[in-house]
Amino acid sequence: MINHREAGLLSLYDKSRWILILTDLNYKQMKKILFSLAIGTAIAFSACEKEVDPASDYSSPDFSVTVESIVTTDASVEDVVEAMDSEVDLFTGSADAISDVFAQVSDDGLKSSNIGHKARYKNGVCPEVTFATTEGGFPKTIKLNYGEETVLVNGRVLSGVITIEISAPFNTVGATHSVTFIGFGVDSVSISGTKVRTLVNNTDGRKVNIVRDLVLTLPDGTIINNAAEITRNWTEGISTPYIYSDNVFEITGFSSFTDSEGNVYSKSIIEKLVKKGDCRFIVSGLVELSYNTKMFASIDYGDGSCNNLATMTTSKGRKEFIIGKRLRNRVLNR
């Protein structure tokens, strides 16, 4: 089979042959023609072999704010939602944790301190925990009250209330945790809404399917509606529920977002997100952001190192940014 380079040379040979037959040019003129043809062929090969700029795969959607603003906001939202999920996991992610909550509540239903989880909270000050149960045992309801401020050892500030209704015993596949957020906040982001966690596998880690419908309000007043369906797998540290530093979670799935400025986009997790208990941030994974099914950005969370950095790729190229540093820059000529 003749490859492209051989075909190009044959074409060059044929052109030269016909030029010799049909013209009465002298040798020097013929050398100039052959040289020009050779240069043109080389340029053509070079163009074919040139690597395509990855940024050319990304579209430029018609948003009211810059793509960089959408990306940095999305990473911030993912960051606070992950912190929220971690709290629910702590109190419902193991039989020991659930038993501890129920066993240590005083007669009036008020649990003044959660002994098992003290190491997670600054100065050992935990959320106030109450619970209620029905005749027969289930459903059970856990209420976590973080008050105006409960500080984690990593510096995060939680506030407000989380209620968790547990439908069945811990290891029951298909059991659900219905979670409601009331005046809840992570740092300066307010979160309201619900999510339902369903146990789908309890043999290789602890895998739950999560369907969530949340409303997040950012400090600048921007409101973001987030609907999602994700799978969250607790792969390491589940046997030591009170040692949060050895926890590892893997997250896959997709979500959609609509903000108060009319910007709409969706997100797919292409390479699983990994969250470790001893790091405040997601340490690895890749997500793609799309508008009308066209990808406009991706976020690479890194190689597993614990830091607050991620890399975005857009139609303008690649750029490193700080997770939690949100931009909301308007498109002036929209």
Protein backbone atom coordinates (compact mmCIF):
# COMPACT_ATOMS: atom_id res chain seq x y z
CA MET A 1 0.00 0.00 0.00
CA ILE A 2 1.29 3.47 -0.86
CA ASN A 3 1.37 5.87 2.09
CA HIS A 4 0.71 9.61 1.89
CA ARG A 5 4.39 10.50 1.67
CA GLU A 6 5.02 8.02 -1.18
CA ALA A 7 1.92 9.23 -2.97
CA GLY A 8 3.21 12.79 -2.69
CA LEU A 9 6.55 11.81 -4.19
CA LEU A 10 4.89 9.93 -7.07
CA SER A 11 2.78 12.97 -7.74
CA LEU A 12 5.94 15.07 -7.77
CA TYR A 13 7.58 12.63 -10.19
CA ASP A 14 4.58 12.66 -12.56
CA LYS A 15 4.47 16.45 -12.59
CA SER A 16 8.18 16.63 -13.39
CA ARG A 17 7.85 14.06 -16.19
CA TRP A 18 5.06 15.96 -17.89
CA ILE A 19 6.93 19.21 -17.52
CA LEU A 20 9.97 17.67 -19.29
CA ILE A 21 7.82 16.36 -22.13
CA LEU A 22 5.56 19.32 -22.69
CA THR A 23 7.99 22.18 -22.23
CA ASP A 24 11.31 23.26 -23.63
CA LEU A 25 12.71 24.57 -20.34
CA ASN A 26 16.40 24.39 -19.63
CA TYR A 27 17.95 22.44 -16.76
CA LYS A 28 18.23 25.39 -14.34
CA GLN A 29 14.57 26.30 -14.81
CA MET A 30 13.57 22.69 -14.20
CA LYS A 31 15.56 22.60 -10.94
CA LYS A 32 13.67 25.65 -9.71
CA ILE A 33 10.33 24.01 -10.49
CA LEU A 34 11.29 20.76 -8.77
CA PHE A 35 12.54 22.64 -5.72
CA SER A 36 9.29 24.64 -5.46
CA LEU A 37 7.21 21.48 -5.76
CA ALA A 38 9.28 19.73 -3.10
CA ILE A 39 8.90 22.66 -0.68
CA GLY A 40 5.14 22.72 -1.24
CA THR A 41 4.87 18.99 -0.60
CA ALA A 42 6.93 19.28 2.62
CA ILE A 43 4.69 22.07 3.89
CA ALA A 44 1.62 19.97 3.16
CA PHE A 45 3.06 17.01 5.12
CA SER A 46 4.00 19.31 7.99
CA ALA A 47 0.45 20.69 8.17
CA CYS A 48 -1.00 17.15 8.26
CA GLU A 49 1.33 16.03 11.05
CA LYS A 50 0.92 19.16 13.22
CA GLU A 51 -0.70 18.47 16.58
CA VAL A 52 -4.16 19.99 16.99
CA ASP A 53 -4.57 22.47 19.85
CA PRO A 54 -6.73 20.71 22.51
CA ALA A 55 -8.47 24.01 23.26
CA SER A 56 -10.05 23.88 19.80
CA ASP A 57 -12.34 21.10 21.07
CA TYR A 58 -14.08 23.53 23.43
CA SER A 59 -17.05 25.72 22.52
CA SER A 60 -17.74 29.32 23.61
CA PRO A 61 -21.26 29.43 25.10
CA ASP A 62 -23.40 32.54 25.33
CA PHE A 63 -23.27 33.08 29.09
CA SER A 64 -23.80 36.36 30.91
CA VAL A 65 -20.54 35.76 32.76
CA THR A 66 -17.18 34.50 31.54
CA VAL A 67 -16.47 30.78 31.21
CA GLU A 68 -13.76 31.22 33.83
CA SER A 69 -16.42 32.52 36.21
CA ILE A 70 -18.59 29.46 35.59
CA VAL A 71 -15.65 27.11 36.14
CA THR A 72 -14.40 28.68 39.37
CA THR A 73 -17.95 28.86 40.74
CA ASP A 74 -18.56 25.20 39.89
CA ALA A 75 -15.37 24.09 41.67
CA SER A 76 -16.40 26.10 44.74
CA VAL A 77 -19.87 24.53 44.75
CA GLU A 78 -18.41 21.03 44.41
CA ASP A 79 -16.09 21.81 47.31
CA VAL A 80 -18.85 22.83 49.75
CA VAL A 81 -21.21 20.03 48.66
CA GLU A 82 -18.44 17.53 49.32
CA ALA A 83 -18.00 18.94 52.84
CA MET A 84 -21.76 18.56 53.37
CA ASP A 85 -21.71 14.94 52.16
CA SER A 86 -18.82 14.14 54.49
CA GLU A 87 -20.86 15.25 57.51
CA VAL A 88 -23.72 12.95 56.59
CA ASP A 89 -21.29 10.06 56.04
CA LEU A 90 -19.77 10.57 59.48
CA PHE A 91 -23.06 10.09 61.31
CA THR A 92 -24.71 7.46 59.10
CA GLY A 93 -21.89 5.75 57.20
CA SER A 94 -21.28 2.90 59.64
CA ALA A 95 -23.26 0.79 62.09
CA ASP A 96 -20.93 1.90 64.90
CA ALA A 97 -21.56 5.56 64.18
CA ILE A 98 -25.34 5.14 64.11
CA SER A 99 -25.33 3.03 67.30
CA ASP A 100 -23.13 5.60 69.01
CA VAL A 101 -25.56 8.39 68.24
CA PHE A 102 -28.56 6.45 69.53
CA ALA A 103 -26.82 4.98 72.58
CA GLN A 104 -25.39 8.20 73.97
CA VAL A 105 -28.47 10.41 73.80
CA SER A 106 -29.74 11.41 77.22
CA ASP A 107 -33.31 10.93 78.42
CA ASP A 108 -34.47 14.32 77.14
CA GLY A 109 -33.25 13.42 73.64
CA LEU A 110 -30.34 15.85 73.69
CA LYS A 111 -26.83 14.64 73.03
CA SER A 112 -24.50 17.29 74.41
CA SER A 113 -21.35 15.91 72.80
CA ASN A 114 -20.58 13.28 70.23
CA ILE A 115 -17.63 11.46 71.80
CA GLY A 116 -16.73 9.40 68.75
CA HIS A 117 -16.40 12.30 66.35
CA LYS A 118 -14.78 14.87 68.62
CA ALA A 119 -11.46 14.72 66.79
CA ARG A 120 -13.10 16.13 63.64
CA TYR A 121 -14.18 19.37 65.34
CA LYS A 122 -12.11 22.23 66.68
CA ASN A 123 -11.66 21.99 70.45
CA GLY A 124 -13.89 18.88 70.38
CA VAL A 125 -17.05 21.01 70.06
CA CYS A 126 -19.47 18.86 68.02
CA PRO A 127 -22.90 19.64 66.63
CA GLU A 128 -25.86 19.13 68.95
CA VAL A 129 -27.52 15.82 68.12
CA THR A 130 -31.10 14.69 68.77
CA PHE A 131 -32.98 11.69 67.47
CA ALA A 132 -36.46 10.27 67.21
CA THR A 133 -37.65 6.76 66.46
CA THR A 134 -41.00 5.12 65.76
CA GLU A 135 -42.52 2.03 67.30
CA GLY A 136 -40.78 -0.91 65.69
CA GLY A 137 -37.52 0.97 65.33
CA PHE A 138 -37.72 2.48 61.84
CA PRO A 139 -37.72 5.00 60.42
CA LYS A 140 -35.24 6.72 62.72
CA THR A 141 -34.46 10.43 62.47
CA ILE A 142 -31.17 12.09 63.40
CA LYS A 143 -31.01 15.87 63.74
CA LEU A 144 -27.63 17.62 63.61
CA ASN A 145 -27.71 21.21 64.83
CA TYR A 146 -24.53 23.17 64.12
CA GLY A 147 -25.92 26.40 65.59
CA GLU A 148 -24.50 29.67 64.37
CA GLU A 149 -21.01 28.22 64.07
CA THR A 150 -19.33 24.84 64.43
CA VAL A 151 -15.73 24.80 63.25
CA LEU A 152 -13.91 21.78 61.83
CA VAL A 153 -10.24 21.20 62.54
CA ASN A 154 -9.48 22.03 58.88
CA GLY A 155 -10.98 25.50 59.35
CA ARG A 156 -14.35 25.03 57.70
CA VAL A 157 -17.30 26.66 59.42
CA LEU A 158 -20.67 24.84 59.46
CA SER A 159 -23.98 26.29 60.61
CA GLY A 160 -27.69 25.45 60.61
CA VAL A 161 -29.45 22.09 60.70
CA ILE A 162 -29.26 18.74 58.90
CA THR A 163 -32.00 16.12 59.45
CA ILE A 164 -31.51 12.51 58.33
CA GLU A 165 -34.34 9.99 58.20
CA ILE A 166 -33.08 6.37 58.09
CA SER A 167 -35.55 3.91 56.56
CA ALA A 168 -34.04 0.55 57.56
CA PRO A 169 -31.15 -1.14 59.43
CA PHE A 170 -27.65 -0.13 58.40
CA ASN A 171 -26.66 -3.00 56.07
CA THR A 172 -29.97 -3.27 54.23
CA VAL A 173 -29.39 -2.88 50.49
CA GLY A 174 -32.05 -0.47 49.24
CA ALA A 175 -32.27 1.36 52.57
CA THR A 176 -32.52 5.12 52.20
CA HIS A 177 -31.28 8.16 54.09
CA SER A 178 -33.51 11.13 53.32
CA VAL A 179 -31.53 14.27 54.11
CA THR A 180 -32.95 17.78 54.50
CA PHE A 181 -30.96 21.01 54.94
CA ILE A 182 -32.54 23.79 56.96
CA GLY A 183 -30.69 27.11 57.11
CA PHE A 184 -27.51 25.12 56.60
CA GLY A 185 -24.23 26.68 55.51
CA VAL A 186 -20.65 25.73 54.70
CA ASP A 187 -18.33 28.70 55.21
CA SER A 188 -20.06 31.59 53.39
CA VAL A 189 -22.32 29.46 51.14
CA SER A 190 -25.92 28.80 52.22
CA ILE A 191 -27.48 25.45 51.27
CA SER A 192 -31.13 24.39 51.34
CA GLY A 193 -33.00 21.48 49.79
CA THR A 194 -32.94 17.70 49.98
CA LYS A 195 -31.08 14.61 48.90
CA VAL A 196 -31.86 10.91 49.10
CA ARG A 197 -29.07 8.38 49.60
CA THR A 198 -29.77 4.73 48.72
CA LEU A 199 -27.42 1.90 49.70
CA VAL A 200 -26.59 -0.11 46.55
CA ASN A 201 -23.58 -2.17 47.67
CA ASN A 202 -22.10 -3.00 51.04
CA THR A 203 -19.56 -5.69 50.16
CA ASP A 204 -16.76 -3.76 48.47
CA GLY A 205 -16.63 -0.54 50.45
CA ARG A 206 -19.95 1.22 50.96
CA LYS A 207 -21.56 2.48 47.78
CA VAL A 208 -24.57 4.78 47.81
CA ASN A 209 -26.55 6.40 45.04
CA ILE A 210 -27.38 10.04 45.76
CA VAL A 211 -30.14 12.06 44.14
CA ARG A 212 -29.99 15.67 45.24
CA ASP A 213 -32.00 18.82 44.66
CA LEU A 214 -30.24 21.78 46.23
CA VAL A 215 -30.32 25.56 46.21
CA LEU A 216 -27.01 27.27 47.00
CA THR A 217 -26.66 30.98 47.69
CA LEU A 218 -23.20 32.48 47.23
CA PRO A 219 -21.91 35.46 49.26
CA ASP A 220 -22.48 37.85 46.33
CA GLY A 221 -26.17 36.86 46.18
CA THR A 222 -25.89 34.52 43.19
CA ILE A 223 -28.35 31.64 43.54
CA ILE A 224 -27.55 28.25 42.01
CA ASN A 225 -30.05 25.43 41.59
CA ASN A 226 -28.31 22.06 41.45
CA ALA A 227 -29.92 18.73 40.52
CA ALA A 228 -27.65 15.69 40.49
CA GLU A 229 -27.44 11.94 40.47
CA ILE A 230 -24.11 10.60 41.69
CA THR A 231 -22.57 7.47 43.12
CA ARG A 232 -20.41 7.85 46.19
CA ASN A 233 -18.23 4.92 47.24
CA TRP A 234 -16.54 4.85 50.63
CA THR A 235 -13.54 2.65 49.75
CA GLU A 236 -11.16 3.08 52.70
CA GLY A 237 -11.51 3.84 56.40
CA ILE A 238 -15.04 2.53 56.83
CA SER A 239 -13.95 0.13 59.61
CA THR A 240 -12.60 3.07 61.65
CA PRO A 241 -15.53 5.54 61.61
CA TYR A 242 -14.01 7.81 64.26
CA ILE A 243 -10.68 8.21 62.47
CA TYR A 244 -11.74 10.44 59.61
CA SER A 245 -8.19 10.96 58.31
CA ASP A 246 -7.99 7.49 56.75
CA ASN A 247 -11.23 7.84 54.77
CA VAL A 248 -11.22 7.70 50.97
CA PHE A 249 -14.29 8.41 48.84
CA GLU A 250 -14.71 7.97 45.08
CA ILE A 251 -17.43 9.95 43.30
CA THR A 252 -18.96 9.49 39.83
CA GLY A 253 -22.11 10.78 38.11
CA PHE A 254 -23.59 13.89 36.54
CA SER A 255 -25.43 17.08 37.51
CA SER A 256 -27.11 20.16 36.09
CA PHE A 257 -26.95 23.79 37.17
CA THR A 258 -29.04 26.91 36.66
CA ASP A 259 -28.00 30.20 38.24
CA SER A 260 -29.99 33.34 39.00
CA GLU A 261 -28.44 35.09 35.98
CA GLY A 262 -29.95 32.58 33.56
CA ASN A 263 -26.80 30.55 32.87
CA VAL A 264 -27.53 26.84 32.40
CA TYR A 265 -25.00 24.03 32.05
CA SER A 266 -24.42 20.37 32.91
CA LYS A 267 -21.46 18.48 34.34
CA SER A 268 -20.24 14.91 33.88
CA ILE A 269 -17.54 13.23 35.93
CA ILE A 270 -15.24 11.67 33.32
CA GLU A 271 -12.62 10.34 35.74
CA LYS A 272 -13.81 9.62 39.28
CA LEU A 273 -13.30 12.34 41.85
CA VAL A 274 -11.28 11.25 44.87
CA LYS A 275 -11.69 12.81 48.32
CA LYS A 276 -9.45 11.86 51.24
CA GLY A 277 -10.31 12.43 54.87
CA ASP A 278 -6.98 14.07 55.67
CA CYS A 279 -7.35 16.68 52.92
CA ARG A 280 -9.86 19.50 52.74
CA PHE A 281 -10.03 19.38 48.93
CA ILE A 282 -10.73 16.88 46.16
CA VAL A 283 -7.32 15.46 45.24
CA SER A 284 -7.88 14.00 41.77
CA GLY A 285 -10.43 13.46 39.01
CA LEU A 286 -11.67 15.07 35.79
CA VAL A 287 -15.02 16.68 34.99
CA GLU A 288 -16.42 18.17 31.78
CA LEU A 289 -18.86 21.09 31.63
CA SER A 290 -21.32 21.33 28.72
CA TYR A 291 -23.90 23.74 27.32
CA ASN A 292 -26.47 22.36 24.87
CA THR A 293 -24.46 19.10 24.74
CA LYS A 294 -21.31 21.00 23.65
CA MET A 295 -18.34 20.89 26.00
CA PHE A 296 -17.05 24.33 26.97
CA ALA A 297 -14.65 23.52 29.82
CA SER A 298 -13.03 20.75 31.83
CA ILE A 299 -11.57 20.71 35.34
CA ASP A 300 -8.61 18.52 36.27
CA TYR A 301 -8.25 18.13 40.03
CA GLY A 302 -4.69 16.83 39.92
CA ASP A 303 -2.64 13.72 40.61
CA GLY A 304 -3.65 12.93 44.20
CA SER A 305 -1.60 15.59 45.98
CA CYS A 306 -3.41 17.54 48.69
CA ASN A 307 -3.71 21.18 47.64
CA ASN A 308 -6.29 23.79 46.69
CA LEU A 309 -5.31 23.90 43.01
CA ALA A 310 -7.05 22.64 39.88
CA THR A 311 -6.57 23.20 36.16
CA MET A 312 -9.26 24.38 33.77
CA THR A 313 -9.19 23.92 30.01
CA THR A 314 -11.37 26.15 27.81
CA SER A 315 -11.32 27.50 24.26
CA LYS A 316 -8.65 29.91 25.51
CA GLY A 317 -6.32 27.12 26.65
CA ARG A 318 -5.26 25.71 30.03
CA LYS A 319 -5.07 27.66 33.28
CA GLU A 320 -4.43 26.75 36.90
CA PHE A 321 -6.78 28.25 39.52
CA ILE A 322 -7.44 28.20 43.25
CA ILE A 323 -10.45 26.20 44.47
CA GLY A 324 -12.70 28.48 46.50
CA LYS A 325 -11.60 31.68 44.75
CA ARG A 326 -14.79 32.44 42.81
CA LEU A 327 -14.97 34.86 39.90
CA ARG A 328 -18.21 36.43 38.63
CA ASN A 329 -17.03 38.58 35.73
CA ARG A 330 -19.74 39.67 33.31
CA VAL A 331 -19.47 39.48 29.54
CA LEU A 332 -19.65 43.17 28.67
CA ASN A 333 -20.29 42.85 24.93
CA ARG A 334 -22.89 40.11 25.21
